[in-house]
Amino acid sequence: MPDIDAGQDWPVLSPLKTGLRGRCPRCGQGRMFSGFLKIKPRCEVCGLDYGFADPADGPAFFVMMFVCVPAAAFPLWLELTYDPPSWVHLVTTLPLILLTCIPPLQPLKGWLVASQYVHKAEEGRLATAAAPDVARTGGA
């Protein structure tokens, strides 16, 4: 199915607003995800093909760097300060890590996909060597 109204001029929507809500980066209406992290093939409202979307490991990287590190510091602090039994770590640390690391994955993935759309990001290509300029080389 081709893009519906592909020739239409769509307003540029904020990747932050559309991505964090999991909405289509073109129309802002359709849902981007069919599962927790599975991106739909296309928008059900405007028909935008999500084939361009490739956030790779970006969401996991951002969660790991900005959420997991502080969440992992808590059990270390707890252990060094109070030396609790193991069950205390199971009751406090496991829920903390799960609740701080899993929920941000979908909004971050949506934001990265929306940013790719808005900034027209695509896979890099190697430049090919151009034919020599005849005027510059004197025709030789």
N, C-alpha and C. Protein backbone atom coordinates (compact mmCIF):
# COMPACT_ATOMS: atom_id res chain seq x y z
N MET A 1 0.85 -1.18 0.00
CA MET A 1 0.00 0.00 0.00
C MET A 1 0.89 1.24 0.00
N PRO A 2 0.80 2.10 -0.98
CA PRO A 2 1.63 3.30 -1.02
C PRO A 2 1.18 4.30 0.03
N ASP A 3 2.07 5.28 0.29
CA ASP A 3 1.72 6.33 1.25
C ASP A 3 0.47 7.07 0.79
N ILE A 4 -0.48 7.22 1.69
CA ILE A 4 -1.69 7.97 1.41
C ILE A 4 -1.32 9.45 1.49
N ASP A 5 -1.67 10.21 0.51
CA ASP A 5 -1.36 11.64 0.47
C ASP A 5 0.13 11.89 0.61
N ALA A 6 0.97 11.08 -0.05
CA ALA A 6 2.42 11.25 0.05
C ALA A 6 2.86 12.60 -0.51
N GLY A 7 2.11 13.14 -1.47
CA GLY A 7 2.45 14.43 -2.05
C GLY A 7 1.99 15.61 -1.22
N GLN A 8 1.17 15.34 -0.23
CA GLN A 8 0.63 16.41 0.61
C GLN A 8 1.75 17.02 1.45
N ASP A 9 1.67 18.33 1.68
CA ASP A 9 2.63 18.99 2.56
C ASP A 9 2.20 18.79 4.00
N TRP A 10 2.98 18.04 4.73
CA TRP A 10 2.69 17.78 6.14
C TRP A 10 3.47 18.76 6.99
N PRO A 11 2.88 19.26 8.07
CA PRO A 11 3.63 20.16 8.95
C PRO A 11 4.73 19.38 9.67
N VAL A 12 5.82 20.04 9.97
CA VAL A 12 6.91 19.39 10.71
C VAL A 12 6.49 19.35 12.18
N LEU A 13 6.33 18.14 12.69
CA LEU A 13 5.93 17.96 14.08
C LEU A 13 7.16 17.71 14.94
N SER A 14 7.06 18.06 16.18
CA SER A 14 8.17 17.87 17.12
C SER A 14 8.44 16.38 17.32
N PRO A 15 9.67 15.92 17.06
CA PRO A 15 9.97 14.51 17.29
C PRO A 15 9.82 14.13 18.76
N LEU A 16 10.06 15.09 19.62
CA LEU A 16 9.94 14.82 21.05
C LEU A 16 8.48 14.55 21.42
N LYS A 17 7.57 15.39 20.94
CA LYS A 17 6.15 15.21 21.27
C LYS A 17 5.56 13.95 20.64
N THR A 18 5.82 13.74 19.37
CA THR A 18 5.24 12.58 18.70
C THR A 18 5.93 11.29 19.13
N GLY A 19 7.25 11.33 19.22
CA GLY A 19 8.00 10.12 19.55
C GLY A 19 7.75 9.62 20.95
N LEU A 20 7.76 10.51 21.93
CA LEU A 20 7.54 10.09 23.32
C LEU A 20 6.15 9.52 23.52
N ARG A 21 5.18 9.98 22.72
CA ARG A 21 3.81 9.44 22.83
C ARG A 21 3.60 8.23 21.93
N GLY A 22 4.60 7.88 21.11
CA GLY A 22 4.48 6.73 20.21
C GLY A 22 3.56 6.98 19.05
N ARG A 23 3.51 8.22 18.58
CA ARG A 23 2.63 8.59 17.47
C ARG A 23 3.43 8.75 16.18
N CYS A 24 2.74 8.72 15.07
CA CYS A 24 3.36 8.86 13.76
C CYS A 24 4.09 10.20 13.68
N PRO A 25 5.33 10.21 13.20
CA PRO A 25 6.06 11.48 13.11
C PRO A 25 5.57 12.40 12.00
N ARG A 26 4.77 11.87 11.06
CA ARG A 26 4.27 12.71 9.97
C ARG A 26 2.93 13.35 10.32
N CYS A 27 1.96 12.54 10.78
CA CYS A 27 0.62 13.10 11.04
C CYS A 27 0.36 13.33 12.53
N GLY A 28 1.10 12.65 13.38
CA GLY A 28 0.91 12.82 14.82
C GLY A 28 -0.31 12.09 15.37
N GLN A 29 -1.01 11.33 14.52
CA GLN A 29 -2.25 10.67 14.94
C GLN A 29 -2.10 9.16 15.10
N GLY A 30 -1.54 8.51 14.11
CA GLY A 30 -1.45 7.05 14.13
C GLY A 30 -0.46 6.54 15.15
N ARG A 31 -0.68 5.33 15.61
CA ARG A 31 0.23 4.71 16.57
C ARG A 31 1.42 4.12 15.83
N MET A 32 2.60 4.29 16.42
CA MET A 32 3.83 3.81 15.81
C MET A 32 4.14 2.36 16.17
N PHE A 33 3.65 1.90 17.32
CA PHE A 33 4.02 0.58 17.81
C PHE A 33 2.85 -0.40 17.76
N SER A 34 3.17 -1.65 17.39
CA SER A 34 2.15 -2.71 17.42
C SER A 34 2.34 -3.58 18.65
N GLY A 35 3.46 -3.47 19.29
CA GLY A 35 3.75 -4.17 20.54
C GLY A 35 4.54 -3.22 21.42
N PHE A 36 5.20 -3.75 22.43
CA PHE A 36 5.95 -2.86 23.32
C PHE A 36 7.07 -2.15 22.57
N LEU A 37 7.86 -2.88 21.78
CA LEU A 37 8.95 -2.26 21.03
C LEU A 37 8.89 -2.55 19.53
N LYS A 38 7.85 -3.25 19.07
CA LYS A 38 7.73 -3.60 17.65
C LYS A 38 7.04 -2.45 16.90
N ILE A 39 7.75 -1.94 15.90
CA ILE A 39 7.22 -0.84 15.10
C ILE A 39 6.30 -1.40 14.02
N LYS A 40 5.16 -0.76 13.83
CA LYS A 40 4.22 -1.16 12.78
C LYS A 40 4.86 -0.96 11.40
N PRO A 41 4.37 -1.67 10.41
CA PRO A 41 4.92 -1.47 9.06
C PRO A 41 4.60 -0.08 8.50
N ARG A 42 3.44 0.47 8.85
CA ARG A 42 3.05 1.80 8.35
C ARG A 42 2.00 2.42 9.28
N CYS A 43 1.83 3.71 9.14
CA CYS A 43 0.83 4.45 9.93
C CYS A 43 -0.56 4.13 9.40
N GLU A 44 -1.49 3.82 10.30
CA GLU A 44 -2.85 3.51 9.87
C GLU A 44 -3.65 4.75 9.50
N VAL A 45 -3.16 5.95 9.83
CA VAL A 45 -3.88 7.18 9.51
C VAL A 45 -3.39 7.80 8.20
N CYS A 46 -2.07 8.05 8.10
CA CYS A 46 -1.55 8.73 6.90
C CYS A 46 -0.83 7.79 5.95
N GLY A 47 -0.57 6.55 6.36
CA GLY A 47 0.07 5.57 5.48
C GLY A 47 1.58 5.67 5.40
N LEU A 48 2.22 6.45 6.27
CA LEU A 48 3.68 6.57 6.25
C LEU A 48 4.32 5.21 6.46
N ASP A 49 5.21 4.84 5.54
CA ASP A 49 5.93 3.57 5.63
C ASP A 49 7.06 3.75 6.63
N TYR A 50 7.07 2.91 7.68
CA TYR A 50 8.10 3.01 8.71
C TYR A 50 9.35 2.21 8.35
N GLY A 51 9.53 1.88 7.09
CA GLY A 51 10.70 1.13 6.66
C GLY A 51 12.00 1.88 6.90
N PHE A 52 11.94 3.20 6.98
CA PHE A 52 13.13 4.00 7.22
C PHE A 52 13.63 3.88 8.66
N ALA A 53 12.77 3.44 9.55
CA ALA A 53 13.06 3.46 10.99
C ALA A 53 14.06 2.39 11.37
N ASP A 54 15.18 2.83 11.90
CA ASP A 54 16.19 1.89 12.40
C ASP A 54 16.92 2.51 13.58
N PRO A 55 16.29 2.50 14.75
CA PRO A 55 16.97 3.07 15.91
C PRO A 55 18.04 2.16 16.49
N ALA A 56 18.12 0.93 15.98
CA ALA A 56 19.12 -0.07 16.42
C ALA A 56 19.12 -0.19 17.94
N ASP A 57 20.28 -0.06 18.55
CA ASP A 57 20.40 -0.21 20.01
C ASP A 57 20.36 1.12 20.73
N GLY A 58 19.95 2.18 20.05
CA GLY A 58 19.93 3.51 20.66
C GLY A 58 19.13 3.58 21.95
N PRO A 59 17.87 3.09 21.97
CA PRO A 59 17.10 3.17 23.21
C PRO A 59 17.76 2.43 24.36
N ALA A 60 18.27 1.24 24.09
CA ALA A 60 18.93 0.47 25.15
C ALA A 60 20.18 1.20 25.64
N PHE A 61 20.93 1.82 24.74
CA PHE A 61 22.13 2.56 25.14
C PHE A 61 21.77 3.72 26.05
N PHE A 62 20.77 4.51 25.65
CA PHE A 62 20.39 5.67 26.47
C PHE A 62 19.87 5.24 27.85
N VAL A 63 19.08 4.20 27.88
CA VAL A 63 18.58 3.71 29.17
C VAL A 63 19.75 3.21 30.02
N MET A 64 20.66 2.49 29.39
CA MET A 64 21.80 1.96 30.12
C MET A 64 22.65 3.08 30.71
N MET A 65 22.91 4.11 29.94
CA MET A 65 23.80 5.17 30.38
C MET A 65 23.16 6.11 31.40
N PHE A 66 21.89 6.42 31.20
CA PHE A 66 21.28 7.45 32.03
C PHE A 66 20.38 6.92 33.14
N VAL A 67 19.94 5.68 33.04
CA VAL A 67 19.02 5.15 34.05
C VAL A 67 19.64 3.98 34.81
N CYS A 68 20.23 3.05 34.09
CA CYS A 68 20.75 1.84 34.74
C CYS A 68 21.92 2.13 35.66
N VAL A 69 22.77 3.05 35.29
CA VAL A 69 23.93 3.34 36.14
C VAL A 69 23.48 3.86 37.51
N PRO A 70 22.61 4.88 37.57
CA PRO A 70 22.13 5.28 38.90
C PRO A 70 21.33 4.19 39.61
N ALA A 71 20.55 3.42 38.84
CA ALA A 71 19.77 2.35 39.47
C ALA A 71 20.67 1.26 40.03
N ALA A 72 21.81 1.05 39.42
CA ALA A 72 22.76 0.07 39.94
C ALA A 72 23.56 0.63 41.11
N ALA A 73 23.64 1.94 41.23
CA ALA A 73 24.35 2.55 42.37
C ALA A 73 23.58 2.35 43.67
N PHE A 74 22.26 2.28 43.58
CA PHE A 74 21.44 2.11 44.79
C PHE A 74 21.78 0.83 45.55
N PRO A 75 21.81 -0.35 44.90
CA PRO A 75 22.13 -1.54 45.67
C PRO A 75 23.54 -1.52 46.26
N LEU A 76 24.46 -0.87 45.58
CA LEU A 76 25.80 -0.74 46.14
C LEU A 76 25.78 0.10 47.41
N TRP A 77 25.08 1.23 47.33
CA TRP A 77 24.96 2.09 48.51
C TRP A 77 24.25 1.35 49.65
N LEU A 78 23.17 0.66 49.32
CA LEU A 78 22.42 -0.10 50.32
C LEU A 78 23.30 -1.15 51.00
N GLU A 79 24.07 -1.85 50.21
CA GLU A 79 24.94 -2.91 50.74
C GLU A 79 26.04 -2.34 51.62
N LEU A 80 26.69 -1.29 51.16
CA LEU A 80 27.81 -0.72 51.91
C LEU A 80 27.36 0.03 53.16
N THR A 81 26.17 0.60 53.12
CA THR A 81 25.69 1.38 54.27
C THR A 81 25.04 0.51 55.33
N TYR A 82 24.19 -0.43 54.93
CA TYR A 82 23.39 -1.19 55.90
C TYR A 82 23.72 -2.68 55.98
N ASP A 83 24.43 -3.22 55.01
CA ASP A 83 24.73 -4.66 54.94
C ASP A 83 23.48 -5.50 55.21
N PRO A 84 22.43 -5.30 54.36
CA PRO A 84 21.17 -6.01 54.59
C PRO A 84 21.26 -7.46 54.13
N PRO A 85 20.30 -8.29 54.54
CA PRO A 85 20.25 -9.65 54.01
C PRO A 85 19.87 -9.63 52.52
N SER A 86 20.11 -10.73 51.84
CA SER A 86 19.88 -10.80 50.40
C SER A 86 18.43 -10.55 50.00
N TRP A 87 17.47 -10.96 50.83
CA TRP A 87 16.07 -10.77 50.47
C TRP A 87 15.71 -9.29 50.37
N VAL A 88 16.40 -8.43 51.12
CA VAL A 88 16.13 -6.98 51.04
C VAL A 88 16.51 -6.47 49.65
N HIS A 89 17.61 -6.96 49.11
CA HIS A 89 17.99 -6.56 47.75
C HIS A 89 16.94 -7.05 46.73
N LEU A 90 16.44 -8.24 46.94
CA LEU A 90 15.43 -8.80 46.04
C LEU A 90 14.16 -7.96 46.06
N VAL A 91 13.79 -7.49 47.23
CA VAL A 91 12.54 -6.73 47.40
C VAL A 91 12.70 -5.26 46.97
N THR A 92 13.90 -4.70 47.12
CA THR A 92 14.07 -3.28 46.80
C THR A 92 14.75 -3.05 45.46
N THR A 93 15.85 -3.72 45.24
CA THR A 93 16.66 -3.44 44.05
C THR A 93 16.03 -3.96 42.77
N LEU A 94 15.54 -5.17 42.77
CA LEU A 94 14.95 -5.73 41.55
C LEU A 94 13.79 -4.88 41.03
N PRO A 95 12.81 -4.52 41.86
CA PRO A 95 11.73 -3.65 41.35
C PRO A 95 12.25 -2.29 40.89
N LEU A 96 13.22 -1.72 41.61
CA LEU A 96 13.77 -0.42 41.22
C LEU A 96 14.39 -0.49 39.83
N ILE A 97 15.20 -1.50 39.60
CA ILE A 97 15.85 -1.62 38.29
C ILE A 97 14.83 -1.89 37.20
N LEU A 98 13.87 -2.77 37.44
CA LEU A 98 12.85 -3.06 36.42
C LEU A 98 11.99 -1.84 36.11
N LEU A 99 11.60 -1.09 37.14
CA LEU A 99 10.73 0.07 36.94
C LEU A 99 11.44 1.28 36.36
N THR A 100 12.75 1.32 36.48
CA THR A 100 13.46 2.47 35.91
C THR A 100 14.08 2.16 34.55
N CYS A 101 14.24 0.90 34.21
CA CYS A 101 14.92 0.56 32.95
C CYS A 101 13.98 0.15 31.82
N ILE A 102 12.87 -0.49 32.12
CA ILE A 102 12.00 -0.98 31.05
C ILE A 102 11.04 0.08 30.51
N PRO A 103 10.32 0.83 31.34
CA PRO A 103 9.36 1.81 30.79
C PRO A 103 9.94 2.86 29.86
N PRO A 104 11.16 3.34 30.04
CA PRO A 104 11.65 4.37 29.10
C PRO A 104 12.01 3.86 27.71
N LEU A 105 12.08 2.56 27.50
CA LEU A 105 12.52 2.04 26.21
C LEU A 105 11.61 2.45 25.06
N GLN A 106 10.29 2.30 25.21
CA GLN A 106 9.38 2.64 24.11
C GLN A 106 9.39 4.14 23.79
N PRO A 107 9.28 5.03 24.78
CA PRO A 107 9.32 6.46 24.43
C PRO A 107 10.64 6.86 23.78
N LEU A 108 11.75 6.30 24.23
CA LEU A 108 13.03 6.64 23.62
C LEU A 108 13.12 6.11 22.19
N LYS A 109 12.61 4.92 21.95
CA LYS A 109 12.61 4.37 20.60
C LYS A 109 11.72 5.22 19.69
N GLY A 110 10.56 5.62 20.19
CA GLY A 110 9.67 6.49 19.42
C GLY A 110 10.32 7.82 19.09
N TRP A 111 11.03 8.39 20.05
CA TRP A 111 11.72 9.66 19.83
C TRP A 111 12.81 9.52 18.78
N LEU A 112 13.57 8.42 18.84
CA LEU A 112 14.63 8.21 17.85
C LEU A 112 14.07 8.01 16.44
N VAL A 113 12.98 7.26 16.32
CA VAL A 113 12.35 7.04 15.02
C VAL A 113 11.79 8.36 14.48
N ALA A 114 11.12 9.12 15.33
CA ALA A 114 10.57 10.42 14.90
C ALA A 114 11.69 11.38 14.50
N SER A 115 12.81 11.35 15.21
CA SER A 115 13.94 12.20 14.86
C SER A 115 14.54 11.79 13.52
N GLN A 116 14.59 10.48 13.27
CA GLN A 116 15.08 10.02 11.97
C GLN A 116 14.20 10.54 10.84
N TYR A 117 12.89 10.54 11.06
CA TYR A 117 11.96 11.01 10.03
C TYR A 117 12.11 12.51 9.81
N VAL A 118 12.10 13.28 10.88
CA VAL A 118 12.15 14.74 10.76
C VAL A 118 13.46 15.20 10.13
N HIS A 119 14.56 14.57 10.50
CA HIS A 119 15.87 15.00 10.01
C HIS A 119 16.31 14.23 8.76
N LYS A 120 15.40 13.41 8.23
CA LYS A 120 15.65 12.64 7.01
C LYS A 120 16.94 11.83 7.11
N ALA A 121 17.15 11.21 8.26
CA ALA A 121 18.35 10.38 8.46
C ALA A 121 18.22 9.11 7.65
N GLU A 122 19.30 8.71 7.07
CA GLU A 122 19.31 7.46 6.30
C GLU A 122 20.69 6.85 6.40
N GLU A 123 20.78 5.63 5.92
CA GLU A 123 22.03 4.91 5.95
C GLU A 123 23.09 5.64 5.16
N GLY A 124 24.31 5.68 5.68
CA GLY A 124 25.40 6.36 5.00
C GLY A 124 25.81 5.62 3.73
N ARG A 125 26.28 6.37 2.76
CA ARG A 125 26.73 5.79 1.50
C ARG A 125 28.12 6.31 1.20
N LEU A 126 28.94 5.50 0.57
CA LEU A 126 30.25 5.94 0.16
C LEU A 126 30.14 6.77 -1.11
N ALA A 127 30.88 7.84 -1.16
CA ALA A 127 30.87 8.67 -2.36
C ALA A 127 31.70 7.99 -3.43
N THR A 128 31.25 8.09 -4.66
CA THR A 128 32.01 7.51 -5.77
C THR A 128 32.94 8.56 -6.33
N ALA A 129 34.04 8.12 -6.87
CA ALA A 129 35.02 9.07 -7.46
C ALA A 129 34.40 9.69 -8.71
N ALA A 130 34.47 10.99 -8.79
CA ALA A 130 33.92 11.70 -9.95
C ALA A 130 34.90 11.61 -11.11
N ALA A 131 34.38 11.77 -12.31
CA ALA A 131 35.25 11.78 -13.52
C ALA A 131 36.18 12.98 -13.41
N PRO A 132 37.41 12.86 -13.88
CA PRO A 132 38.36 13.99 -13.80
C PRO A 132 37.84 15.18 -14.59
N ASP A 133 38.10 16.33 -14.05
CA ASP A 133 37.66 17.58 -14.69
C ASP A 133 38.61 17.88 -15.85
N VAL A 134 38.07 17.86 -17.06
CA VAL A 134 38.90 18.04 -18.28
C VAL A 134 39.52 19.42 -18.28
N ALA A 135 38.78 20.44 -17.88
CA ALA A 135 39.31 21.81 -17.91
C ALA A 135 40.47 21.95 -16.93
N ARG A 136 40.40 21.31 -15.78
CA ARG A 136 41.45 21.44 -14.78
C ARG A 136 42.71 20.67 -15.18
N THR A 137 42.56 19.53 -15.84
CA THR A 137 43.73 18.72 -16.20
C THR A 137 44.28 19.08 -17.56
N GLY A 138 43.71 20.02 -18.23
CA GLY A 138 44.21 20.43 -19.53
C GLY A 138 43.87 19.46 -20.63
N GLY A 139 42.86 18.62 -20.44
CA GLY A 139 42.42 17.70 -21.47
C GLY A 139 43.28 16.45 -21.57
N ALA A 140 44.24 16.28 -20.70
CA ALA A 140 45.12 15.12 -20.79
C ALA A 140 44.58 13.92 -20.10
